Amino acid sequence: MNTTEFTEMLAAKGISLSSEQIRQYEIYYSTLVEWNEKMNLTAITDKEEVYLKHFYDSISAAFYYDFNEPLHLCDVGAGAGFPSIPIKIAFPHLHITIVDSLNKRIGFLEHLAKELNLTNVRFIHDRAETFGQNPNHRQSYDVVTARAVARLSVLSELCLPLVKQGGTFVAMKGASAQEEIDAGKKAIATLGGRLKECHTFILPQEESERNILIIEKEKQTPKKYPRKPGTPNKTPIE
């Protein structure tokens, strides 16, 4: 996906980019490739692939969830900033918090935010399990995003405790989402959520399946969740 196709395909979805926003994606790409030589941020470095599989794929969450409000968004395990930084560039009014367990990646994100002149962004080095028990962050976000970090039963325990009651957890998954949904039903309900919608679409050009799960936070998460670091992965709620 070249830059022209990228902007045209987003425009077709009602997301129009200014010349400054287009420039920010260019800077994002060049910074990602430059830092990727020093540390492992992504296996994808070809420009057209980055635009398709990282930038466009990240923004696809906005095809099914309205980011036009002044929302506070938390991105769990964002790695090199996906999906929240591409979303932030497209919707600059958003307040973004990224939590990641690797300090090197936080260093990259802090540098990237300066290069892109981003405001209302913060990057926190922490495990999602301990972050979810932090009273300053627990049940305080309008929307929490995660992209292919772990299977849904595990991901729900890492993300739903951060979502405020009435807020939304947007889980971005690849193919076979239905299997994860079936296995994750108990976890979602236990943590106070309800699967509202599952949107399936085909990523253009590559033609691989993607699923965007919209999970509403209906009740407060019980205090015991998330459990200690590593526990959700070892013994998921299934």
Protein backbone atom coordinates (compact mmCIF):
# COMPACT_ATOMS: atom_id res chain seq x y z
CA MET A 1 0.00 0.00 0.00
CA ASN A 2 1.70 3.20 -1.12
CA THR A 3 1.03 6.54 0.57
CA THR A 4 -1.49 7.64 -2.05
CA GLU A 5 -3.48 4.41 -1.69
CA PHE A 6 -3.26 4.79 2.09
CA THR A 7 -4.77 8.30 2.09
CA GLU A 8 -7.38 7.43 -0.56
CA MET A 9 -8.55 4.28 1.24
CA LEU A 10 -8.86 6.16 4.52
CA ALA A 11 -10.73 8.99 2.79
CA ALA A 12 -13.16 6.38 1.43
CA LYS A 13 -13.84 5.44 5.07
CA GLY A 14 -14.47 9.09 6.01
CA ILE A 15 -11.02 9.73 7.51
CA SER A 16 -9.34 12.61 5.66
CA LEU A 17 -5.72 13.42 6.39
CA SER A 18 -4.08 16.84 6.17
CA SER A 19 -0.65 17.28 4.56
CA GLU A 20 0.79 17.55 8.09
CA GLN A 21 -0.75 14.22 9.13
CA ILE A 22 0.57 12.57 5.96
CA ARG A 23 4.03 13.96 6.85
CA GLN A 24 3.72 12.52 10.37
CA TYR A 25 3.15 9.01 8.98
CA GLU A 26 6.27 9.47 6.81
CA ILE A 27 8.30 10.48 9.88
CA TYR A 28 6.83 7.54 11.82
CA TYR A 29 7.95 5.14 9.08
CA SER A 30 11.50 6.51 8.81
CA THR A 31 11.93 6.63 12.63
CA LEU A 32 10.64 3.06 12.97
CA VAL A 33 13.11 1.76 10.37
CA GLU A 34 16.01 3.73 11.85
CA TRP A 35 15.41 2.47 15.41
CA ASN A 36 14.66 -1.05 14.20
CA GLU A 37 18.36 -1.38 13.28
CA LYS A 38 19.25 -0.89 16.97
CA MET A 39 16.44 -2.89 18.59
CA ASN A 40 13.76 -5.35 17.50
CA LEU A 41 10.58 -3.33 16.99
CA THR A 42 9.06 -5.01 13.95
CA ALA A 43 9.79 -7.74 11.42
CA ILE A 44 8.05 -5.59 8.78
CA THR A 45 10.23 -2.80 7.35
CA ASP A 46 9.18 -2.57 3.70
CA LYS A 47 7.44 0.79 3.34
CA GLU A 48 4.30 -0.43 1.57
CA GLU A 49 3.94 -3.28 4.07
CA VAL A 50 4.33 -0.94 7.06
CA TYR A 51 1.62 1.33 5.66
CA LEU A 52 -0.71 -1.62 5.11
CA LYS A 53 0.00 -3.97 8.02
CA HIS A 54 0.82 -1.39 10.71
CA PHE A 55 -0.68 2.01 9.83
CA TYR A 56 -3.85 1.09 7.90
CA ASP A 57 -4.45 -2.03 9.99
CA SER A 58 -4.18 0.01 13.22
CA ILE A 59 -6.56 2.71 12.00
CA SER A 60 -9.09 0.04 10.92
CA ALA A 61 -10.36 0.11 14.54
CA ALA A 62 -11.82 3.53 13.68
CA PHE A 63 -14.00 1.98 10.97
CA TYR A 64 -16.07 0.36 13.73
CA TYR A 65 -15.54 2.59 16.77
CA ASP A 66 -16.00 6.37 16.86
CA PHE A 67 -12.77 8.11 17.87
CA ASN A 68 -14.10 11.60 17.13
CA GLU A 69 -14.88 12.32 20.79
CA PRO A 70 -12.18 13.67 23.20
CA LEU A 71 -11.52 10.20 24.61
CA HIS A 72 -8.87 8.96 27.00
CA LEU A 73 -7.43 5.82 25.41
CA CYS A 74 -5.05 3.27 26.91
CA ASP A 75 -3.12 0.92 24.63
CA VAL A 76 -1.85 -2.26 26.30
CA GLY A 77 1.37 -3.83 24.99
CA ALA A 78 1.61 -1.43 22.06
CA GLY A 79 5.18 -2.38 21.18
CA ALA A 80 6.24 0.11 18.48
CA GLY A 81 3.01 2.08 19.02
CA PHE A 82 0.35 -0.02 17.31
CA PRO A 83 -2.55 0.64 17.13
CA SER A 84 -2.63 3.82 19.24
CA ILE A 85 -0.04 6.07 17.56
CA PRO A 86 -1.46 5.69 14.01
CA ILE A 87 -4.91 6.35 15.54
CA LYS A 88 -3.57 9.38 17.45
CA ILE A 89 -2.13 10.90 14.25
CA ALA A 90 -5.50 10.50 12.51
CA PHE A 91 -7.44 11.77 15.57
CA PRO A 92 -5.06 14.28 17.23
CA HIS A 93 -7.53 15.33 19.94
CA LEU A 94 -7.27 11.93 21.68
CA HIS A 95 -5.44 11.53 24.99
CA ILE A 96 -3.23 8.44 24.71
CA THR A 97 -1.55 6.32 27.39
CA ILE A 98 0.63 3.41 26.32
CA VAL A 99 1.76 0.78 28.81
CA ASP A 100 4.52 -1.61 27.79
CA SER A 101 6.70 -4.01 29.78
CA LEU A 102 9.92 -3.27 27.84
CA ASN A 103 11.70 -0.05 28.75
CA LYS A 104 13.58 0.07 25.43
CA ARG A 105 10.28 0.32 23.58
CA ILE A 106 9.14 3.11 25.90
CA GLY A 107 12.36 4.95 24.97
CA PHE A 108 11.53 4.58 21.29
CA LEU A 109 7.97 5.84 21.82
CA GLU A 110 9.16 8.89 23.77
CA HIS A 111 11.57 9.75 20.96
CA LEU A 112 8.86 9.14 18.34
CA ALA A 113 6.37 11.42 20.14
CA LYS A 114 8.93 14.26 20.05
CA GLU A 115 9.65 13.69 16.35
CA LEU A 116 5.91 13.76 15.60
CA ASN A 117 5.19 16.73 17.93
CA LEU A 118 2.44 14.74 19.66
CA THR A 119 0.66 16.25 22.66
CA ASN A 120 -1.44 14.49 25.33
CA VAL A 121 0.52 11.24 25.12
CA ARG A 122 2.22 9.38 27.98
CA PHE A 123 4.26 6.20 28.02
CA ILE A 124 4.45 4.00 31.08
CA HIS A 125 6.90 1.16 31.68
CA ASP A 126 4.94 -1.50 33.58
CA ARG A 127 3.45 -4.96 33.35
CA ALA A 128 -0.23 -4.82 32.39
CA GLU A 129 -1.12 -6.92 35.45
CA THR A 130 0.35 -4.45 37.96
CA PHE A 131 -0.79 -1.43 35.92
CA GLY A 132 -4.38 -2.73 36.07
CA GLN A 133 -4.22 -2.70 39.89
CA ASN A 134 -2.88 0.86 40.03
CA PRO A 135 -5.68 3.07 41.46
CA ASN A 136 -4.55 5.97 39.23
CA HIS A 137 -5.35 3.94 36.11
CA ARG A 138 -7.77 1.21 37.10
CA GLN A 139 -11.25 1.66 35.59
CA SER A 140 -10.38 5.15 34.35
CA TYR A 141 -10.18 4.91 30.54
CA ASP A 142 -12.96 5.53 28.02
CA VAL A 143 -11.44 3.00 25.64
CA VAL A 144 -8.67 0.42 25.89
CA THR A 145 -7.08 -1.10 22.79
CA ALA A 146 -4.86 -4.10 22.19
CA ARG A 147 -3.67 -5.60 18.93
CA ALA A 148 -2.82 -9.30 18.80
CA VAL A 149 -1.03 -9.26 22.17
CA ALA A 150 -2.49 -12.50 23.56
CA ARG A 151 -5.55 -14.69 23.19
CA LEU A 152 -8.83 -13.06 24.15
CA SER A 153 -9.29 -14.75 27.55
CA VAL A 154 -5.85 -13.46 28.66
CA LEU A 155 -6.21 -10.09 26.93
CA SER A 156 -9.53 -9.43 28.66
CA GLU A 157 -7.90 -9.79 32.07
CA LEU A 158 -5.15 -7.34 31.08
CA CYS A 159 -7.45 -4.76 29.49
CA LEU A 160 -10.95 -4.79 31.00
CA PRO A 161 -9.78 -3.73 34.52
CA LEU A 162 -8.56 -0.47 32.94
CA VAL A 163 -11.87 0.35 31.21
CA LYS A 164 -14.27 2.63 33.10
CA GLN A 165 -17.84 1.42 33.56
CA GLY A 166 -19.70 2.35 30.38
CA GLY A 167 -16.42 2.38 28.43
CA THR A 168 -15.18 0.07 25.68
CA PHE A 169 -12.45 -2.50 25.11
CA VAL A 170 -11.50 -2.72 21.42
CA ALA A 171 -9.65 -5.99 20.73
CA MET A 172 -8.00 -6.30 17.32
CA LYS A 173 -7.55 -9.90 16.21
CA GLY A 174 -6.55 -11.80 13.10
CA ALA A 175 -8.32 -14.87 11.74
CA SER A 176 -10.06 -17.53 13.87
CA ALA A 177 -11.56 -14.91 16.19
CA GLN A 178 -14.66 -17.03 16.79
CA GLU A 179 -12.61 -19.72 18.56
CA GLU A 180 -11.11 -17.04 20.84
CA ILE A 181 -14.54 -15.54 21.49
CA ASP A 182 -15.93 -18.95 22.50
CA ALA A 183 -12.96 -19.56 24.83
CA GLY A 184 -13.04 -15.98 26.15
CA LYS A 185 -16.74 -15.66 27.03
CA LYS A 186 -16.24 -16.60 30.67
CA ALA A 187 -13.35 -14.15 31.12
CA ILE A 188 -15.24 -11.26 29.51
CA ALA A 189 -18.29 -11.82 31.75
CA THR A 190 -16.20 -12.37 34.90
CA LEU A 191 -14.32 -9.09 34.33
CA GLY A 192 -17.51 -7.07 33.82
CA GLY A 193 -17.64 -6.96 30.03
CA ARG A 194 -20.07 -7.92 27.29
CA LEU A 195 -19.21 -8.62 23.67
CA LYS A 196 -21.33 -6.09 21.80
CA GLU A 197 -20.09 -6.56 18.23
CA CYS A 198 -17.58 -8.53 16.19
CA HIS A 199 -16.67 -6.95 12.86
CA THR A 200 -14.87 -9.10 10.30
CA PHE A 201 -13.16 -7.57 7.29
CA ILE A 202 -10.45 -8.40 4.78
CA LEU A 203 -7.25 -6.36 4.87
CA PRO A 204 -6.94 -4.91 1.34
CA GLN A 205 -4.21 -6.11 -1.03
CA GLU A 206 -2.95 -8.80 1.36
CA GLU A 207 -6.51 -10.17 1.68
CA SER A 208 -6.09 -11.64 5.15
CA GLU A 209 -8.90 -11.75 7.69
CA ARG A 210 -9.12 -9.23 10.51
CA ASN A 211 -11.61 -9.01 13.39
CA ILE A 212 -12.45 -6.00 15.53
CA LEU A 213 -14.21 -6.95 18.77
CA ILE A 214 -16.19 -4.24 20.56
CA ILE A 215 -16.57 -5.20 24.22
CA GLU A 216 -18.61 -2.96 26.53
CA LYS A 217 -17.77 -2.61 30.22
CA GLU A 218 -21.09 -3.11 32.00
CA LYS A 219 -19.98 -3.81 35.57
CA GLN A 220 -16.96 -3.09 37.72
CA THR A 221 -14.12 -5.60 37.56
CA PRO A 222 -13.75 -7.65 40.79
CA LYS A 223 -10.78 -6.40 42.86
CA LYS A 224 -8.78 -9.62 42.50
CA TYR A 225 -8.29 -9.01 38.76
CA PRO A 226 -5.87 -8.69 37.13
CA ARG A 227 -3.97 -11.35 39.02
CA LYS A 228 -0.18 -11.37 39.57
CA PRO A 229 2.15 -10.97 36.54
CA GLY A 230 2.25 -14.15 34.46
CA THR A 231 -0.83 -15.72 36.10
CA PRO A 232 -3.39 -14.70 33.43
CA ASN A 233 -1.26 -16.39 30.77
CA LYS A 234 -0.57 -19.53 32.82
CA THR A 235 -4.11 -20.05 34.09
CA PRO A 236 -6.53 -18.04 31.90
CA ILE A 237 -10.17 -17.62 32.95
CA GLU A 238 -11.73 -20.19 30.60
